[in-house]
Amino acid sequence: MLDHLAGLPDFSRRADIFLESWAPWMGPDEREAAKQLAATDRAFWTADRLGERLRLIPEERTEARAWSIRPVDDRGKAWIEHDLEVRRRQKAKERSSPATGSVAPKRLSRANESAFLRERSIAK
């Protein structure tokens, strides 16, 4: 959390409030060291890395509504297999659905575009 707060205005005050609420056992020296580390060594957490560090299981993710954190499986690895299965089902659904009939207009090359515009101006 301190890594996130380090990028916000008034980091020191926000970090003090956070640490007072969530880590009241930390002494003043420990708090300053944690704040200094967060301010100088900005870590950017991916959804996978955060889920693995927190060992967040799908049920806890749903309960906490932490949708931006990828849950882990029973081995503690990111839920990649689940994502692959969801993509497979989406692609299969797209392949089985009938075409909508709307086709994007074909982009003309510059030479063809010029010829098209000339023909169009002649026809007017």
N, C-alpha and C. Protein backbone atom coordinates (compact mmCIF):
# COMPACT_ATOMS: atom_id res chain seq x y z
N MET A 1 0.82 -1.19 0.00
CA MET A 1 0.00 0.00 0.00
C MET A 1 0.86 1.26 0.00
N LEU A 2 1.97 1.21 0.72
CA LEU A 2 2.85 2.37 0.74
C LEU A 2 3.40 2.66 -0.64
N ASP A 3 3.66 1.61 -1.43
CA ASP A 3 4.13 1.81 -2.80
C ASP A 3 3.12 2.62 -3.59
N HIS A 4 1.84 2.34 -3.39
CA HIS A 4 0.79 3.08 -4.08
C HIS A 4 0.71 4.51 -3.55
N LEU A 5 0.73 4.67 -2.25
CA LEU A 5 0.63 5.99 -1.64
C LEU A 5 1.80 6.89 -2.02
N ALA A 6 2.96 6.29 -2.29
CA ALA A 6 4.15 7.08 -2.61
C ALA A 6 3.97 7.93 -3.86
N GLY A 7 3.08 7.54 -4.73
CA GLY A 7 2.85 8.30 -5.95
C GLY A 7 1.80 9.39 -5.81
N LEU A 8 1.21 9.51 -4.65
CA LEU A 8 0.15 10.49 -4.43
C LEU A 8 0.68 11.74 -3.73
N PRO A 9 -0.02 12.85 -3.90
CA PRO A 9 0.39 14.05 -3.19
C PRO A 9 0.25 13.84 -1.67
N ASP A 10 1.07 14.52 -0.89
CA ASP A 10 1.02 14.44 0.56
C ASP A 10 1.26 13.01 1.06
N PHE A 11 2.24 12.36 0.44
CA PHE A 11 2.55 10.96 0.76
C PHE A 11 2.81 10.74 2.24
N SER A 12 3.61 11.59 2.86
CA SER A 12 4.01 11.38 4.24
C SER A 12 2.80 11.34 5.18
N ARG A 13 1.89 12.28 5.02
CA ARG A 13 0.70 12.32 5.88
C ARG A 13 -0.18 11.10 5.64
N ARG A 14 -0.40 10.76 4.37
CA ARG A 14 -1.23 9.59 4.04
C ARG A 14 -0.61 8.30 4.56
N ALA A 15 0.71 8.18 4.43
CA ALA A 15 1.40 6.99 4.92
C ALA A 15 1.29 6.88 6.44
N ASP A 16 1.42 8.00 7.14
CA ASP A 16 1.27 7.98 8.60
C ASP A 16 -0.12 7.51 9.01
N ILE A 17 -1.14 8.01 8.33
CA ILE A 17 -2.51 7.59 8.64
C ILE A 17 -2.69 6.10 8.38
N PHE A 18 -2.18 5.63 7.23
CA PHE A 18 -2.29 4.21 6.90
C PHE A 18 -1.57 3.34 7.92
N LEU A 19 -0.33 3.70 8.23
CA LEU A 19 0.45 2.88 9.17
C LEU A 19 -0.14 2.92 10.57
N GLU A 20 -0.71 4.03 10.98
CA GLU A 20 -1.36 4.11 12.30
C GLU A 20 -2.55 3.17 12.37
N SER A 21 -3.30 3.08 11.28
CA SER A 21 -4.48 2.22 11.27
C SER A 21 -4.15 0.74 11.11
N TRP A 22 -3.20 0.44 10.21
CA TRP A 22 -2.96 -0.95 9.84
C TRP A 22 -1.70 -1.56 10.44
N ALA A 23 -0.83 -0.78 10.99
CA ALA A 23 0.39 -1.32 11.61
C ALA A 23 0.73 -0.53 12.88
N PRO A 24 -0.18 -0.54 13.85
CA PRO A 24 0.05 0.26 15.06
C PRO A 24 1.24 -0.22 15.89
N TRP A 25 1.70 -1.44 15.66
CA TRP A 25 2.83 -1.98 16.41
C TRP A 25 4.18 -1.43 15.94
N MET A 26 4.21 -0.81 14.75
CA MET A 26 5.47 -0.30 14.23
C MET A 26 5.89 0.95 15.00
N GLY A 27 7.16 0.97 15.38
CA GLY A 27 7.70 2.14 16.05
C GLY A 27 7.99 3.25 15.06
N PRO A 28 8.28 4.45 15.56
CA PRO A 28 8.53 5.59 14.67
C PRO A 28 9.70 5.36 13.70
N ASP A 29 10.76 4.70 14.16
CA ASP A 29 11.90 4.44 13.27
C ASP A 29 11.52 3.48 12.15
N GLU A 30 10.75 2.43 12.51
CA GLU A 30 10.32 1.47 11.49
C GLU A 30 9.40 2.13 10.46
N ARG A 31 8.53 2.98 10.93
CA ARG A 31 7.62 3.68 10.02
C ARG A 31 8.39 4.56 9.05
N GLU A 32 9.33 5.31 9.56
CA GLU A 32 10.13 6.18 8.69
C GLU A 32 10.92 5.36 7.68
N ALA A 33 11.46 4.22 8.12
CA ALA A 33 12.21 3.35 7.20
C ALA A 33 11.29 2.81 6.10
N ALA A 34 10.08 2.40 6.48
CA ALA A 34 9.12 1.87 5.50
C ALA A 34 8.72 2.96 4.52
N LYS A 35 8.47 4.16 5.02
CA LYS A 35 8.10 5.28 4.15
C LYS A 35 9.24 5.63 3.20
N GLN A 36 10.46 5.63 3.72
CA GLN A 36 11.63 5.96 2.90
C GLN A 36 11.81 4.92 1.79
N LEU A 37 11.65 3.65 2.14
CA LEU A 37 11.78 2.58 1.15
C LEU A 37 10.72 2.72 0.05
N ALA A 38 9.49 3.00 0.45
CA ALA A 38 8.41 3.15 -0.53
C ALA A 38 8.65 4.36 -1.44
N ALA A 39 9.17 5.43 -0.88
CA ALA A 39 9.39 6.65 -1.66
C ALA A 39 10.55 6.51 -2.64
N THR A 40 11.58 5.76 -2.27
CA THR A 40 12.76 5.66 -3.13
C THR A 40 12.75 4.45 -4.05
N ASP A 41 12.13 3.38 -3.63
CA ASP A 41 12.15 2.14 -4.41
C ASP A 41 10.73 1.82 -4.85
N ARG A 42 10.19 2.66 -5.74
CA ARG A 42 8.80 2.50 -6.16
C ARG A 42 8.59 1.16 -6.86
N ALA A 43 7.83 0.30 -6.25
CA ALA A 43 7.50 -1.00 -6.84
C ALA A 43 6.14 -0.89 -7.53
N PHE A 44 6.05 -1.41 -8.74
CA PHE A 44 4.79 -1.45 -9.45
C PHE A 44 4.35 -2.90 -9.48
N TRP A 45 3.20 -3.16 -8.94
CA TRP A 45 2.72 -4.52 -8.75
C TRP A 45 1.79 -4.91 -9.90
N THR A 46 2.08 -6.04 -10.52
CA THR A 46 1.15 -6.57 -11.52
C THR A 46 0.05 -7.31 -10.77
N ALA A 47 -1.04 -7.58 -11.45
CA ALA A 47 -2.15 -8.32 -10.84
C ALA A 47 -1.69 -9.71 -10.41
N ASP A 48 -0.85 -10.35 -11.22
CA ASP A 48 -0.34 -11.68 -10.87
C ASP A 48 0.54 -11.64 -9.63
N ARG A 49 1.50 -10.72 -9.63
CA ARG A 49 2.46 -10.64 -8.53
C ARG A 49 1.76 -10.30 -7.21
N LEU A 50 0.83 -9.39 -7.27
CA LEU A 50 0.11 -9.01 -6.07
C LEU A 50 -0.72 -10.18 -5.53
N GLY A 51 -1.40 -10.89 -6.42
CA GLY A 51 -2.19 -12.05 -6.00
C GLY A 51 -1.32 -13.13 -5.38
N GLU A 52 -0.14 -13.35 -5.97
CA GLU A 52 0.76 -14.37 -5.43
C GLU A 52 1.32 -13.95 -4.08
N ARG A 53 1.67 -12.67 -3.93
CA ARG A 53 2.20 -12.20 -2.64
C ARG A 53 1.15 -12.26 -1.54
N LEU A 54 -0.09 -11.94 -1.89
CA LEU A 54 -1.17 -11.97 -0.91
C LEU A 54 -1.75 -13.37 -0.73
N ARG A 55 -1.43 -14.26 -1.68
CA ARG A 55 -1.99 -15.61 -1.71
C ARG A 55 -3.52 -15.55 -1.66
N LEU A 56 -4.05 -14.68 -2.51
CA LEU A 56 -5.47 -14.41 -2.57
C LEU A 56 -6.19 -15.52 -3.34
N ILE A 57 -7.09 -16.22 -2.68
CA ILE A 57 -7.85 -17.27 -3.35
C ILE A 57 -9.11 -16.67 -3.95
N PRO A 58 -9.71 -17.34 -4.94
CA PRO A 58 -10.86 -16.76 -5.64
C PRO A 58 -12.01 -16.35 -4.71
N GLU A 59 -12.29 -17.14 -3.69
CA GLU A 59 -13.40 -16.81 -2.79
C GLU A 59 -13.13 -15.52 -2.04
N GLU A 60 -11.88 -15.34 -1.57
CA GLU A 60 -11.53 -14.11 -0.86
C GLU A 60 -11.56 -12.91 -1.80
N ARG A 61 -11.15 -13.13 -3.04
CA ARG A 61 -11.17 -12.05 -4.03
C ARG A 61 -12.60 -11.58 -4.27
N THR A 62 -13.52 -12.53 -4.40
CA THR A 62 -14.91 -12.19 -4.60
C THR A 62 -15.48 -11.47 -3.38
N GLU A 63 -15.18 -11.99 -2.21
CA GLU A 63 -15.69 -11.39 -0.97
C GLU A 63 -15.18 -9.96 -0.79
N ALA A 64 -13.90 -9.74 -1.10
CA ALA A 64 -13.30 -8.41 -0.95
C ALA A 64 -13.57 -7.50 -2.15
N ARG A 65 -14.14 -8.09 -3.22
CA ARG A 65 -14.39 -7.35 -4.47
C ARG A 65 -13.10 -6.73 -4.99
N ALA A 66 -12.02 -7.49 -4.90
CA ALA A 66 -10.69 -7.04 -5.33
C ALA A 66 -10.45 -7.51 -6.76
N TRP A 67 -11.22 -6.98 -7.68
CA TRP A 67 -11.20 -7.47 -9.06
C TRP A 67 -9.88 -7.19 -9.77
N SER A 68 -9.11 -6.21 -9.33
CA SER A 68 -7.86 -5.88 -10.02
C SER A 68 -6.70 -6.76 -9.57
N ILE A 69 -6.95 -7.67 -8.63
CA ILE A 69 -5.91 -8.60 -8.17
C ILE A 69 -6.27 -9.99 -8.66
N ARG A 70 -5.32 -10.63 -9.32
CA ARG A 70 -5.58 -11.98 -9.84
C ARG A 70 -5.43 -13.00 -8.72
N PRO A 71 -6.43 -13.84 -8.53
CA PRO A 71 -6.32 -14.84 -7.46
C PRO A 71 -5.33 -15.94 -7.82
N VAL A 72 -5.00 -16.75 -6.83
CA VAL A 72 -4.06 -17.86 -7.04
C VAL A 72 -4.81 -19.18 -6.92
N ASP A 73 -4.21 -20.21 -7.50
CA ASP A 73 -4.79 -21.55 -7.39
C ASP A 73 -4.26 -22.22 -6.12
N ASP A 74 -4.54 -23.49 -5.97
CA ASP A 74 -4.13 -24.20 -4.75
C ASP A 74 -2.61 -24.36 -4.63
N ARG A 75 -1.87 -24.13 -5.73
CA ARG A 75 -0.41 -24.19 -5.67
C ARG A 75 0.20 -22.82 -5.39
N GLY A 76 -0.63 -21.79 -5.30
CA GLY A 76 -0.13 -20.44 -5.06
C GLY A 76 0.32 -19.71 -6.31
N LYS A 77 0.00 -20.26 -7.46
CA LYS A 77 0.36 -19.62 -8.73
C LYS A 77 -0.82 -18.83 -9.26
N ALA A 78 -0.54 -17.81 -10.04
CA ALA A 78 -1.61 -16.96 -10.59
C ALA A 78 -2.59 -17.81 -11.37
N TRP A 79 -3.79 -17.36 -11.43
CA TRP A 79 -4.93 -18.07 -11.98
C TRP A 79 -4.94 -18.05 -13.49
N ILE A 80 -3.82 -18.34 -14.10
CA ILE A 80 -3.65 -18.21 -15.54
C ILE A 80 -4.48 -19.24 -16.31
N GLU A 81 -4.54 -20.46 -15.81
CA GLU A 81 -5.30 -21.50 -16.51
C GLU A 81 -6.77 -21.11 -16.61
N HIS A 82 -7.30 -20.51 -15.58
CA HIS A 82 -8.69 -20.05 -15.61
C HIS A 82 -8.89 -19.01 -16.71
N ASP A 83 -7.95 -18.06 -16.80
CA ASP A 83 -8.04 -17.02 -17.83
C ASP A 83 -7.99 -17.63 -19.23
N LEU A 84 -7.12 -18.61 -19.41
CA LEU A 84 -7.02 -19.26 -20.72
C LEU A 84 -8.33 -19.96 -21.08
N GLU A 85 -8.95 -20.60 -20.12
CA GLU A 85 -10.21 -21.29 -20.36
C GLU A 85 -11.31 -20.29 -20.72
N VAL A 86 -11.35 -19.15 -20.04
CA VAL A 86 -12.35 -18.12 -20.36
C VAL A 86 -12.14 -17.62 -21.78
N ARG A 87 -10.89 -17.38 -22.18
CA ARG A 87 -10.61 -16.93 -23.55
C ARG A 87 -11.01 -17.97 -24.58
N ARG A 88 -10.74 -19.25 -24.29
CA ARG A 88 -11.12 -20.32 -25.21
C ARG A 88 -12.64 -20.33 -25.43
N ARG A 89 -13.39 -20.19 -24.33
CA ARG A 89 -14.85 -20.18 -24.45
C ARG A 89 -15.33 -18.97 -25.23
N GLN A 90 -14.73 -17.81 -25.03
CA GLN A 90 -15.13 -16.60 -25.76
C GLN A 90 -14.87 -16.76 -27.25
N LYS A 91 -13.70 -17.31 -27.60
CA LYS A 91 -13.38 -17.50 -29.02
C LYS A 91 -14.31 -18.51 -29.66
N ALA A 92 -14.64 -19.59 -28.93
CA ALA A 92 -15.55 -20.59 -29.47
C ALA A 92 -16.93 -19.98 -29.69
N LYS A 93 -17.36 -19.13 -28.78
CA LYS A 93 -18.65 -18.47 -28.92
C LYS A 93 -18.65 -17.54 -30.13
N GLU A 94 -17.55 -16.79 -30.32
CA GLU A 94 -17.44 -15.90 -31.47
C GLU A 94 -17.48 -16.68 -32.78
N ARG A 95 -16.81 -17.84 -32.81
CA ARG A 95 -16.79 -18.65 -34.03
C ARG A 95 -18.16 -19.23 -34.33
N SER A 96 -18.91 -19.58 -33.30
CA SER A 96 -20.20 -20.23 -33.53
C SER A 96 -21.33 -19.24 -33.78
N SER A 97 -21.14 -17.97 -33.44
CA SER A 97 -22.21 -16.98 -33.64
C SER A 97 -22.26 -16.58 -35.11
N PRO A 98 -23.47 -16.35 -35.65
CA PRO A 98 -23.59 -15.96 -37.06
C PRO A 98 -23.02 -14.57 -37.27
N ALA A 99 -22.54 -14.33 -38.47
CA ALA A 99 -21.98 -13.02 -38.80
C ALA A 99 -23.08 -11.97 -38.75
N THR A 100 -22.75 -10.78 -38.37
CA THR A 100 -23.75 -9.72 -38.25
C THR A 100 -24.11 -9.12 -39.60
N GLY A 101 -23.32 -9.37 -40.60
CA GLY A 101 -23.61 -8.85 -41.92
C GLY A 101 -22.98 -7.49 -42.18
N SER A 102 -22.50 -6.85 -41.16
CA SER A 102 -21.86 -5.55 -41.37
C SER A 102 -20.38 -5.78 -41.61
N VAL A 103 -19.93 -5.26 -42.72
CA VAL A 103 -18.53 -5.42 -43.09
C VAL A 103 -17.90 -4.04 -43.10
N ALA A 104 -16.74 -3.91 -42.55
CA ALA A 104 -16.05 -2.63 -42.53
C ALA A 104 -15.69 -2.24 -43.96
N PRO A 105 -15.83 -0.98 -44.31
CA PRO A 105 -15.49 -0.56 -45.67
C PRO A 105 -14.01 -0.78 -45.94
N LYS A 106 -13.73 -1.20 -47.17
CA LYS A 106 -12.36 -1.47 -47.55
C LYS A 106 -11.64 -0.14 -47.78
N ARG A 107 -10.46 -0.02 -47.24
CA ARG A 107 -9.65 1.20 -47.39
C ARG A 107 -9.00 1.18 -48.76
N LEU A 108 -9.18 2.26 -49.50
CA LEU A 108 -8.59 2.35 -50.83
C LEU A 108 -7.14 2.80 -50.73
N SER A 109 -6.33 2.33 -51.66
CA SER A 109 -4.97 2.83 -51.73
C SER A 109 -5.02 4.26 -52.23
N ARG A 110 -3.93 5.00 -52.09
CA ARG A 110 -3.91 6.40 -52.50
C ARG A 110 -4.21 6.55 -54.00
N ALA A 111 -3.64 5.66 -54.82
CA ALA A 111 -3.88 5.74 -56.27
C ALA A 111 -5.35 5.46 -56.58
N ASN A 112 -5.91 4.42 -55.96
CA ASN A 112 -7.31 4.09 -56.18
C ASN A 112 -8.23 5.17 -55.63
N GLU A 113 -7.83 5.78 -54.52
CA GLU A 113 -8.63 6.83 -53.92
C GLU A 113 -8.70 8.04 -54.87
N SER A 114 -7.56 8.39 -55.48
CA SER A 114 -7.53 9.51 -56.43
C SER A 114 -8.41 9.21 -57.63
N ALA A 115 -8.29 8.00 -58.16
CA ALA A 115 -9.12 7.61 -59.31
C ALA A 115 -10.59 7.65 -58.93
N PHE A 116 -10.94 7.17 -57.77
CA PHE A 116 -12.32 7.17 -57.30
C PHE A 116 -12.86 8.60 -57.21
N LEU A 117 -12.04 9.49 -56.64
CA LEU A 117 -12.49 10.87 -56.50
C LEU A 117 -12.66 11.55 -57.86
N ARG A 118 -11.75 11.26 -58.81
CA ARG A 118 -11.86 11.83 -60.17
C ARG A 118 -13.15 11.35 -60.82
N GLU A 119 -13.42 10.04 -60.75
CA GLU A 119 -14.63 9.48 -61.35
C GLU A 119 -15.87 10.10 -60.73
N ARG A 120 -15.82 10.28 -59.45
CA ARG A 120 -16.97 10.82 -58.74
C ARG A 120 -17.23 12.27 -59.15
N SER A 121 -16.14 13.04 -59.34
CA SER A 121 -16.32 14.46 -59.74
C SER A 121 -16.79 14.54 -61.19
N ILE A 122 -16.38 13.60 -62.04
CA ILE A 122 -16.82 13.58 -63.45
C ILE A 122 -18.29 13.24 -63.52
N ALA A 123 -18.73 12.30 -62.66
CA ALA A 123 -20.11 11.84 -62.70
C ALA A 123 -21.09 12.92 -62.24
N LYS A 124 -20.63 13.91 -61.53
CA LYS A 124 -21.56 14.95 -61.02
C LYS A 124 -21.98 15.87 -62.06
